[in-house]
């Protein structure tokens, strides 16, 4: 079962796109969030994908030729190749949810974009239909009705969502030796499992969860002292926190709080 406690944020998607909407039905589709938006402003300046440990299937619905891409986890703040005025529909797979339908080790997609049709030729009609179907609920229904399980992979072993849950509960402040103790597996074996079923190793994934946790606090306006948040989150010091936040977000914590 995919852990449901982790709900990462993509603040630049949600704040810079017109008519941004999202929807999730965890009872029927475990671990998937659907979203839709139109790019407003200059995507080269206003949009940044921040690390969140997820894998997205992104459909470009307003292109002359409908297209869709599997977008793997990013390891730093990244400018997406979106088009100004472009209309997009996406399915965001939470950690360990995507491997079963993509039938590939997920680290093959890390920091890459791969054509969905090239990966799964049987989705050609689906891409065309979703991109030509304007209403968001219709796009979700079409995605859900597609027989993804026809090429279902083995899926993640139960220990992976268990360890993901432990990382989430610690807000990313969990050491590898603690994962070894909790699972009974070696650090190397845990690392290999995470790369295959999540896309990135557990150490880097923990850094992402820690960043996402601080991101939420800043967005909520509950942070007055950044040195305090750095200490509570488990960073070495405030400089470490600021540098990592800037790597993941392209802004310092204070710049991000002002922008919000």
C-alpha atoms as a PDB file:
ATOM      1  CA  UNK A   1       0.000   0.000   0.000  1.00  0.00           C
ATOM      2  CA  UNK A   2       1.290   3.476  -0.867  1.00  0.00           C
ATOM      3  CA  UNK A   3       1.835   5.645   2.175  1.00  0.00           C
ATOM      4  CA  UNK A   4      -0.752   8.445   2.185  1.00  0.00           C
ATOM      5  CA  UNK A   5       0.815  10.743   4.788  1.00  0.00           C
ATOM      6  CA  UNK A   6       3.157  12.484   2.345  1.00  0.00           C
ATOM      7  CA  UNK A   7       1.596  15.253   0.256  1.00  0.00           C
ATOM      8  CA  UNK A   8       4.412  17.153  -1.482  1.00  0.00           C
ATOM      9  CA  UNK A   9       3.983  20.648  -2.846  1.00  0.00           C
ATOM     10  CA  UNK A  10       4.841  22.200  -6.200  1.00  0.00           C
ATOM     11  CA  UNK A  11       4.279  25.839  -5.212  1.00  0.00           C
ATOM     12  CA  UNK A  12       5.314  27.376  -8.530  1.00  0.00           C
ATOM     13  CA  UNK A  13       2.859  25.174 -10.460  1.00  0.00           C
ATOM     14  CA  UNK A  14       0.058  26.030  -8.085  1.00  0.00           C
ATOM     15  CA  UNK A  15       0.843  29.723  -7.824  1.00  0.00           C
ATOM     16  CA  UNK A  16       1.922  30.602 -11.372  1.00  0.00           C
ATOM     17  CA  UNK A  17      -0.615  28.713 -13.443  1.00  0.00           C
ATOM     18  CA  UNK A  18      -4.076  29.948 -14.346  1.00  0.00           C
ATOM     19  CA  UNK A  19      -7.058  27.849 -13.341  1.00  0.00           C
ATOM     20  CA  UNK A  20      -4.943  25.369 -11.388  1.00  0.00           C
ATOM     21  CA  UNK A  21      -7.072  22.501 -10.112  1.00  0.00           C
ATOM     22  CA  UNK A  22      -6.158  19.194  -8.507  1.00  0.00           C
ATOM     23  CA  UNK A  23      -8.056  16.142  -7.361  1.00  0.00           C
ATOM     24  CA  UNK A  24      -7.263  12.904  -5.644  1.00  0.00           C
ATOM     25  CA  UNK A  25      -9.369   9.833  -4.906  1.00  0.00           C
ATOM     26  CA  UNK A  26      -7.195   7.647  -2.737  1.00  0.00           C
ATOM     27  CA  UNK A  27      -9.814   4.944  -2.322  1.00  0.00           C
ATOM     28  CA  UNK A  28      -9.874   4.105  -6.029  1.00  0.00           C
ATOM     29  CA  UNK A  29      -6.464   5.205  -7.247  1.00  0.00           C
ATOM     30  CA  UNK A  30      -3.872   4.737  -4.534  1.00  0.00           C
ATOM     31  CA  UNK A  31      -1.115   7.283  -4.573  1.00  0.00           C
ATOM     32  CA  UNK A  32      -2.111   9.434  -7.592  1.00  0.00           C
ATOM     33  CA  UNK A  33      -2.933  13.133  -7.681  1.00  0.00           C
ATOM     34  CA  UNK A  34      -4.468  14.593 -10.837  1.00  0.00           C
ATOM     35  CA  UNK A  35      -4.017  18.242 -11.776  1.00  0.00           C
ATOM     36  CA  UNK A  36      -4.597  20.670 -14.623  1.00  0.00           C
ATOM     37  CA  UNK A  37      -3.452  24.219 -15.323  1.00  0.00           C
ATOM     38  CA  UNK A  38      -2.678  26.805 -18.005  1.00  0.00           C
ATOM     39  CA  UNK A  39       0.772  28.404 -17.953  1.00  0.00           C
ATOM     40  CA  UNK A  40       0.520  32.130 -17.339  1.00  0.00           C
ATOM     41  CA  UNK A  41       3.430  34.517 -17.519  1.00  0.00           C
ATOM     42  CA  UNK A  42       6.882  33.514 -18.719  1.00  0.00           C
ATOM     43  CA  UNK A  43       7.608  29.882 -17.761  1.00  0.00           C
ATOM     44  CA  UNK A  44      11.354  30.531 -18.075  1.00  0.00           C
ATOM     45  CA  UNK A  45      11.071  33.025 -15.193  1.00  0.00           C
ATOM     46  CA  UNK A  46       8.035  31.997 -13.170  1.00  0.00           C
ATOM     47  CA  UNK A  47       7.972  28.190 -13.120  1.00  0.00           C
ATOM     48  CA  UNK A  48      10.294  25.897 -11.209  1.00  0.00           C
ATOM     49  CA  UNK A  49       9.841  22.204 -10.495  1.00  0.00           C
ATOM     50  CA  UNK A  50      11.084  21.523  -6.964  1.00  0.00           C
ATOM     51  CA  UNK A  51      12.215  18.071  -5.783  1.00  0.00           C
ATOM     52  CA  UNK A  52       9.322  16.082  -4.342  1.00  0.00           C
ATOM     53  CA  UNK A  53      10.206  12.421  -4.958  1.00  0.00           C
ATOM     54  CA  UNK A  54       7.279  11.850  -7.313  1.00  0.00           C
ATOM     55  CA  UNK A  55       6.958  10.812 -10.951  1.00  0.00           C
ATOM     56  CA  UNK A  56       4.537  12.689 -13.207  1.00  0.00           C
ATOM     57  CA  UNK A  57       2.768  11.808 -16.428  1.00  0.00           C
ATOM     58  CA  UNK A  58       2.270  15.207 -18.078  1.00  0.00           C
ATOM     59  CA  UNK A  59      -0.015  15.696 -21.085  1.00  0.00           C
ATOM     60  CA  UNK A  60       0.469  18.811 -23.260  1.00  0.00           C
ATOM     61  CA  UNK A  61      -3.131  19.375 -24.305  1.00  0.00           C
ATOM     62  CA  UNK A  62      -2.764  22.535 -26.393  1.00  0.00           C
ATOM     63  CA  UNK A  63       0.143  21.464 -28.609  1.00  0.00           C
ATOM     64  CA  UNK A  64      -0.493  21.058 -32.361  1.00  0.00           C
ATOM     65  CA  UNK A  65       0.396  17.403 -31.880  1.00  0.00           C
ATOM     66  CA  UNK A  66      -0.842  15.982 -28.549  1.00  0.00           C
ATOM     67  CA  UNK A  67       1.990  14.626 -26.423  1.00  0.00           C
ATOM     68  CA  UNK A  68       2.660  13.172 -23.005  1.00  0.00           C
ATOM     69  CA  UNK A  69       5.834  12.569 -21.050  1.00  0.00           C
ATOM     70  CA  UNK A  70       6.978  10.575 -18.060  1.00  0.00           C
ATOM     71  CA  UNK A  71       8.815  13.120 -15.907  1.00  0.00           C
ATOM     72  CA  UNK A  72      11.088  11.566 -13.317  1.00  0.00           C
ATOM     73  CA  UNK A  73      12.192  12.944  -9.965  1.00  0.00           C
ATOM     74  CA  UNK A  74      14.400  16.023 -10.070  1.00  0.00           C
ATOM     75  CA  UNK A  75      17.306  16.577  -7.697  1.00  0.00           C
ATOM     76  CA  UNK A  76      17.349  20.373  -7.801  1.00  0.00           C
ATOM     77  CA  UNK A  77      15.068  23.235  -8.763  1.00  0.00           C
ATOM     78  CA  UNK A  78      14.465  22.797 -12.501  1.00  0.00           C
ATOM     79  CA  UNK A  79      12.838  24.934 -15.178  1.00  0.00           C
ATOM     80  CA  UNK A  80      10.314  22.755 -17.049  1.00  0.00           C
ATOM     81  CA  UNK A  81      10.008  23.038 -20.846  1.00  0.00           C
ATOM     82  CA  UNK A  82       6.471  24.407 -20.629  1.00  0.00           C
ATOM     83  CA  UNK A  83       5.002  26.750 -23.227  1.00  0.00           C
ATOM     84  CA  UNK A  84       3.470  30.098 -22.306  1.00  0.00           C
ATOM     85  CA  UNK A  85      -0.293  29.771 -22.600  1.00  0.00           C
ATOM     86  CA  UNK A  86      -0.011  25.979 -22.788  1.00  0.00           C
ATOM     87  CA  UNK A  87      -2.721  23.824 -21.204  1.00  0.00           C
ATOM     88  CA  UNK A  88      -1.526  20.773 -19.285  1.00  0.00           C
ATOM     89  CA  UNK A  89      -3.047  17.764 -17.549  1.00  0.00           C
ATOM     90  CA  UNK A  90      -0.985  15.657 -15.181  1.00  0.00           C
ATOM     91  CA  UNK A  91      -1.054  12.537 -13.036  1.00  0.00           C
ATOM     92  CA  UNK A  92       1.409  12.706 -10.148  1.00  0.00           C
ATOM     93  CA  UNK A  93       2.434   9.331  -8.738  1.00  0.00           C
ATOM     94  CA  UNK A  94       3.473   9.399  -5.112  1.00  0.00           C
ATOM     95  CA  UNK A  95       6.621   7.459  -4.162  1.00  0.00           C
ATOM     96  CA  UNK A  96       6.532   3.735  -5.069  1.00  0.00           C
ATOM     97  CA  UNK A  97       3.201   4.039  -6.958  1.00  0.00           C
ATOM     98  CA  UNK A  98       4.497   4.339 -10.538  1.00  0.00           C
ATOM     99  CA  UNK A  99       6.755   1.306 -10.978  1.00  0.00           C
ATOM    100  CA  UNK A 100       3.848  -1.121 -11.320  1.00  0.00           C
ATOM    101  CA  UNK A 101       2.445   0.560 -14.446  1.00  0.00           C
ATOM    102  CA  UNK A 102       5.682   1.706 -16.068  1.00  0.00           C
ATOM    103  CA  UNK A 103       7.324  -1.710 -15.756  1.00  0.00           C
ATOM    104  CA  UNK A 104      10.791  -0.140 -15.477  1.00  0.00           C
ATOM    105  CA  UNK A 105      13.121   0.651 -12.577  1.00  0.00           C
ATOM    106  CA  UNK A 106      12.163   4.212 -11.678  1.00  0.00           C
ATOM    107  CA  UNK A 107      15.748   5.502 -11.494  1.00  0.00           C
ATOM    108  CA  UNK A 108      15.757   5.216 -15.299  1.00  0.00           C
ATOM    109  CA  UNK A 109      13.552   8.335 -15.315  1.00  0.00           C
ATOM    110  CA  UNK A 110      15.357  10.411 -12.679  1.00  0.00           C
ATOM    111  CA  UNK A 111      15.996  13.918 -14.037  1.00  0.00           C
ATOM    112  CA  UNK A 112      14.698  12.792 -17.436  1.00  0.00           C
ATOM    113  CA  UNK A 113      11.596  13.218 -19.570  1.00  0.00           C
ATOM    114  CA  UNK A 114      10.585  10.209 -21.664  1.00  0.00           C
ATOM    115  CA  UNK A 115       7.782  10.086 -24.216  1.00  0.00           C
ATOM    116  CA  UNK A 116       4.911   8.062 -22.775  1.00  0.00           C
ATOM    117  CA  UNK A 117       4.016   6.689 -26.211  1.00  0.00           C
ATOM    118  CA  UNK A 118       7.608   5.578 -26.813  1.00  0.00           C
ATOM    119  CA  UNK A 119       7.577   3.786 -23.480  1.00  0.00           C
ATOM    120  CA  UNK A 120       4.081   2.369 -23.871  1.00  0.00           C
ATOM    121  CA  UNK A 121       2.856   2.413 -27.491  1.00  0.00           C
ATOM    122  CA  UNK A 122      -0.566   1.241 -26.301  1.00  0.00           C
ATOM    123  CA  UNK A 123      -1.185   4.736 -24.849  1.00  0.00           C
ATOM    124  CA  UNK A 124      -1.206   6.474 -28.250  1.00  0.00           C
ATOM    125  CA  UNK A 125      -5.001   6.749 -28.425  1.00  0.00           C
ATOM    126  CA  UNK A 126      -5.197   7.659 -24.741  1.00  0.00           C
ATOM    127  CA  UNK A 127      -2.837  10.616 -25.206  1.00  0.00           C
ATOM    128  CA  UNK A 128      -4.856  11.845 -28.165  1.00  0.00           C
ATOM    129  CA  UNK A 129      -8.186  11.477 -26.350  1.00  0.00           C
ATOM    130  CA  UNK A 130      -7.090  13.095 -23.085  1.00  0.00           C
ATOM    131  CA  UNK A 131      -5.512  16.040 -24.874  1.00  0.00           C
ATOM    132  CA  UNK A 132      -8.664  16.620 -26.922  1.00  0.00           C
ATOM    133  CA  UNK A 133     -10.992  16.332 -23.912  1.00  0.00           C
ATOM    134  CA  UNK A 134     -11.237  19.725 -22.230  1.00  0.00           C
ATOM    135  CA  UNK A 135     -13.156  19.050 -18.975  1.00  0.00           C
ATOM    136  CA  UNK A 136     -10.824  18.055 -16.150  1.00  0.00           C
ATOM    137  CA  UNK A 137     -13.174  15.355 -14.741  1.00  0.00           C
ATOM    138  CA  UNK A 138     -13.394  13.763 -18.207  1.00  0.00           C
ATOM    139  CA  UNK A 139      -9.614  13.606 -18.460  1.00  0.00           C
ATOM    140  CA  UNK A 140      -9.403  11.933 -15.051  1.00  0.00           C
ATOM    141  CA  UNK A 141     -12.065   9.373 -16.028  1.00  0.00           C
ATOM    142  CA  UNK A 142     -10.237   8.539 -19.261  1.00  0.00           C
ATOM    143  CA  UNK A 143      -6.977   8.057 -17.377  1.00  0.00           C
ATOM    144  CA  UNK A 144      -8.613   5.817 -14.790  1.00  0.00           C
ATOM    145  CA  UNK A 145     -10.388   3.699 -17.397  1.00  0.00           C
ATOM    146  CA  UNK A 146      -7.203   2.889 -19.288  1.00  0.00           C
ATOM    147  CA  UNK A 147      -6.009  -0.717 -18.672  1.00  0.00           C
ATOM    148  CA  UNK A 148      -2.683   0.222 -17.101  1.00  0.00           C
ATOM    149  CA  UNK A 149      -2.415  -3.138 -15.371  1.00  0.00           C
ATOM    150  CA  UNK A 150      -2.082  -4.989 -18.693  1.00  0.00           C
ATOM    151  CA  UNK A 151       1.667  -4.463 -18.323  1.00  0.00           C
ATOM    152  CA  UNK A 152       1.812  -4.263 -14.580  1.00  0.00           C
ATOM    153  CA  UNK A 153       5.208  -4.722 -13.017  1.00  0.00           C
ATOM    154  CA  UNK A 154       5.903  -6.498  -9.795  1.00  0.00           C
ATOM    155  CA  UNK A 155       5.263  -3.389  -7.725  1.00  0.00           C
ATOM    156  CA  UNK A 156       7.180  -2.389  -4.635  1.00  0.00           C
ATOM    157  CA  UNK A 157       7.709  -4.972  -1.867  1.00  0.00           C
ATOM    158  CA  UNK A 158       5.926  -4.134   1.387  1.00  0.00           C
ATOM    159  CA  UNK A 159       9.150  -3.034   3.065  1.00  0.00           C
ATOM    160  CA  UNK A 160       9.449  -0.035   0.702  1.00  0.00           C
ATOM    161  CA  UNK A 161       6.194   1.725   1.680  1.00  0.00           C
ATOM    162  CA  UNK A 162       6.965   0.839   5.306  1.00  0.00           C
ATOM    163  CA  UNK A 163      10.341   2.609   5.135  1.00  0.00           C
ATOM    164  CA  UNK A 164       8.800   5.498   3.208  1.00  0.00           C
ATOM    165  CA  UNK A 165       6.317   5.876   6.036  1.00  0.00           C
ATOM    166  CA  UNK A 166       9.114   5.958   8.592  1.00  0.00           C
ATOM    167  CA  UNK A 167      10.886   8.703   6.639  1.00  0.00           C
ATOM    168  CA  UNK A 168       7.642  10.674   6.346  1.00  0.00           C
ATOM    169  CA  UNK A 169       6.907  10.383  10.067  1.00  0.00           C
ATOM    170  CA  UNK A 170      10.383  11.713  10.874  1.00  0.00           C
ATOM    171  CA  UNK A 171       9.940  14.586   8.378  1.00  0.00           C
ATOM    172  CA  UNK A 172      13.094  13.392   6.659  1.00  0.00           C
ATOM    173  CA  UNK A 173      15.259  13.434   9.777  1.00  0.00           C
ATOM    174  CA  UNK A 174      16.115   9.722   9.710  1.00  0.00           C
ATOM    175  CA  UNK A 175      19.564   8.197   9.240  1.00  0.00           C
ATOM    176  CA  UNK A 176      20.397   5.217   7.057  1.00  0.00           C
ATOM    177  CA  UNK A 177      21.509   3.099  10.020  1.00  0.00           C
ATOM    178  CA  UNK A 178      18.044   3.660  11.523  1.00  0.00           C
ATOM    179  CA  UNK A 179      16.442   2.311   8.341  1.00  0.00           C
ATOM    180  CA  UNK A 180      18.753  -0.699   8.587  1.00  0.00           C
ATOM    181  CA  UNK A 181      17.646  -1.313  12.158  1.00  0.00           C
ATOM    182  CA  UNK A 182      13.957  -0.942  11.332  1.00  0.00           C
ATOM    183  CA  UNK A 183      14.056  -3.189   8.264  1.00  0.00           C
ATOM    184  CA  UNK A 184      16.788  -5.726   8.981  1.00  0.00           C
ATOM    185  CA  UNK A 185      18.240  -5.044   5.524  1.00  0.00           C
ATOM    186  CA  UNK A 186      21.668  -3.661   4.658  1.00  0.00           C
ATOM    187  CA  UNK A 187      22.127  -0.071   3.541  1.00  0.00           C
ATOM    188  CA  UNK A 188      23.090  -1.276   0.045  1.00  0.00           C
ATOM    189  CA  UNK A 189      19.942  -3.379  -0.304  1.00  0.00           C
ATOM    190  CA  UNK A 190      17.729  -0.518   0.897  1.00  0.00           C
ATOM    191  CA  UNK A 191      19.443   1.840  -1.538  1.00  0.00           C
ATOM    192  CA  UNK A 192      18.853  -0.548  -4.455  1.00  0.00           C
ATOM    193  CA  UNK A 193      15.189  -1.017  -3.543  1.00  0.00           C
ATOM    194  CA  UNK A 194      14.589   2.731  -3.324  1.00  0.00           C
ATOM    195  CA  UNK A 195      16.260   3.436  -6.647  1.00  0.00           C
ATOM    196  CA  UNK A 196      14.160   0.773  -8.366  1.00  0.00           C
ATOM    197  CA  UNK A 197      10.794   1.488  -6.754  1.00  0.00           C
ATOM    198  CA  UNK A 198      11.064   5.202  -5.834  1.00  0.00           C
ATOM    199  CA  UNK A 199      13.645   6.501  -8.300  1.00  0.00           C
ATOM    200  CA  UNK A 200      16.182   7.904  -5.839  1.00  0.00           C
ATOM    201  CA  UNK A 201      18.112   6.562  -2.873  1.00  0.00           C
ATOM    202  CA  UNK A 202      16.762   6.808   0.695  1.00  0.00           C
ATOM    203  CA  UNK A 203      19.312   9.399   1.824  1.00  0.00           C
ATOM    204  CA  UNK A 204      18.430  11.825  -0.935  1.00  0.00           C
ATOM    205  CA  UNK A 205      14.733  11.059  -0.562  1.00  0.00           C
ATOM    206  CA  UNK A 206      14.977  11.975   3.131  1.00  0.00           C
ATOM    207  CA  UNK A 207      16.536  15.304   2.147  1.00  0.00           C
ATOM    208  CA  UNK A 208      13.586  15.959  -0.156  1.00  0.00           C
ATOM    209  CA  UNK A 209      11.041  15.161   2.561  1.00  0.00           C
ATOM    210  CA  UNK A 210      12.886  17.460   4.972  1.00  0.00           C
ATOM    211  CA  UNK A 211      12.870  20.247   2.377  1.00  0.00           C
ATOM    212  CA  UNK A 212       9.162  19.727   1.638  1.00  0.00           C
ATOM    213  CA  UNK A 213       8.386  19.935   5.351  1.00  0.00           C
ATOM    214  CA  UNK A 214      10.190  23.269   5.723  1.00  0.00           C
ATOM    215  CA  UNK A 215       8.547  24.502   2.514  1.00  0.00           C
ATOM    216  CA  UNK A 216       5.099  23.900   4.007  1.00  0.00           C
ATOM    217  CA  UNK A 217       6.017  25.739   7.198  1.00  0.00           C
ATOM    218  CA  UNK A 218       7.216  28.771   5.265  1.00  0.00           C
ATOM    219  CA  UNK A 219       4.116  28.760   3.046  1.00  0.00           C
ATOM    220  CA  UNK A 220       1.920  28.556   6.142  1.00  0.00           C
ATOM    221  CA  UNK A 221       3.640  31.635   7.567  1.00  0.00           C
ATOM    222  CA  UNK A 222       4.516  29.937  10.855  1.00  0.00           C
ATOM    223  CA  UNK A 223       8.265  30.586  10.554  1.00  0.00           C
ATOM    224  CA  UNK A 224       9.762  33.697  12.112  1.00  0.00           C
ATOM    225  CA  UNK A 225      13.266  32.460  12.872  1.00  0.00           C
ATOM    226  CA  UNK A 226      14.978  30.511  10.082  1.00  0.00           C
ATOM    227  CA  UNK A 227      17.735  29.363  12.421  1.00  0.00           C
ATOM    228  CA  UNK A 228      15.063  27.684  14.543  1.00  0.00           C
ATOM    229  CA  UNK A 229      13.508  25.864  11.582  1.00  0.00           C
ATOM    230  CA  UNK A 230      16.989  24.727  10.491  1.00  0.00           C
ATOM    231  CA  UNK A 231      17.660  23.260  13.930  1.00  0.00           C
ATOM    232  CA  UNK A 232      14.243  21.598  14.235  1.00  0.00           C
ATOM    233  CA  UNK A 233      14.532  20.046  10.757  1.00  0.00           C
ATOM    234  CA  UNK A 234      17.940  18.509  11.481  1.00  0.00           C
ATOM    235  CA  UNK A 235      20.177  20.692   9.296  1.00  0.00           C
ATOM    236  CA  UNK A 236      23.765  21.169  10.454  1.00  0.00           C
ATOM    237  CA  UNK A 237      23.254  24.911  10.768  1.00  0.00           C
ATOM    238  CA  UNK A 238      21.385  27.798   9.175  1.00  0.00           C
ATOM    239  CA  UNK A 239      23.883  28.078   6.289  1.00  0.00           C
ATOM    240  CA  UNK A 240      23.332  24.411   5.416  1.00  0.00           C
ATOM    241  CA  UNK A 241      19.571  24.964   5.453  1.00  0.00           C
ATOM    242  CA  UNK A 242      19.739  28.078   3.258  1.00  0.00           C
ATOM    243  CA  UNK A 243      22.089  26.486   0.711  1.00  0.00           C
ATOM    244  CA  UNK A 244      20.007  23.321   0.373  1.00  0.00           C
ATOM    245  CA  UNK A 245      16.751  25.259   0.152  1.00  0.00           C
ATOM    246  CA  UNK A 246      18.207  27.455  -2.597  1.00  0.00           C
ATOM    247  CA  UNK A 247      19.428  24.371  -4.506  1.00  0.00           C
ATOM    248  CA  UNK A 248      15.989  22.772  -4.349  1.00  0.00           C
ATOM    249  CA  UNK A 249      13.923  25.942  -4.831  1.00  0.00           C
ATOM    250  CA  UNK A 250      16.222  28.425  -6.678  1.00  0.00           C
ATOM    251  CA  UNK A 251      15.375  30.928  -3.905  1.00  0.00           C
ATOM    252  CA  UNK A 252      16.557  31.362  -0.338  1.00  0.00           C
ATOM    253  CA  UNK A 253      13.943  30.712   2.369  1.00  0.00           C
ATOM    254  CA  UNK A 254      13.493  34.454   2.902  1.00  0.00           C
ATOM    255  CA  UNK A 255      13.134  35.168  -0.824  1.00  0.00           C
ATOM    256  CA  UNK A 256      10.551  32.405  -1.060  1.00  0.00           C
ATOM    257  CA  UNK A 257       8.613  33.737   1.926  1.00  0.00           C
ATOM    258  CA  UNK A 258       8.579  37.235   0.410  1.00  0.00           C
ATOM    259  CA  UNK A 259       7.457  35.877  -2.961  1.00  0.00           C
ATOM    260  CA  UNK A 260       4.569  34.078  -1.258  1.00  0.00           C
END
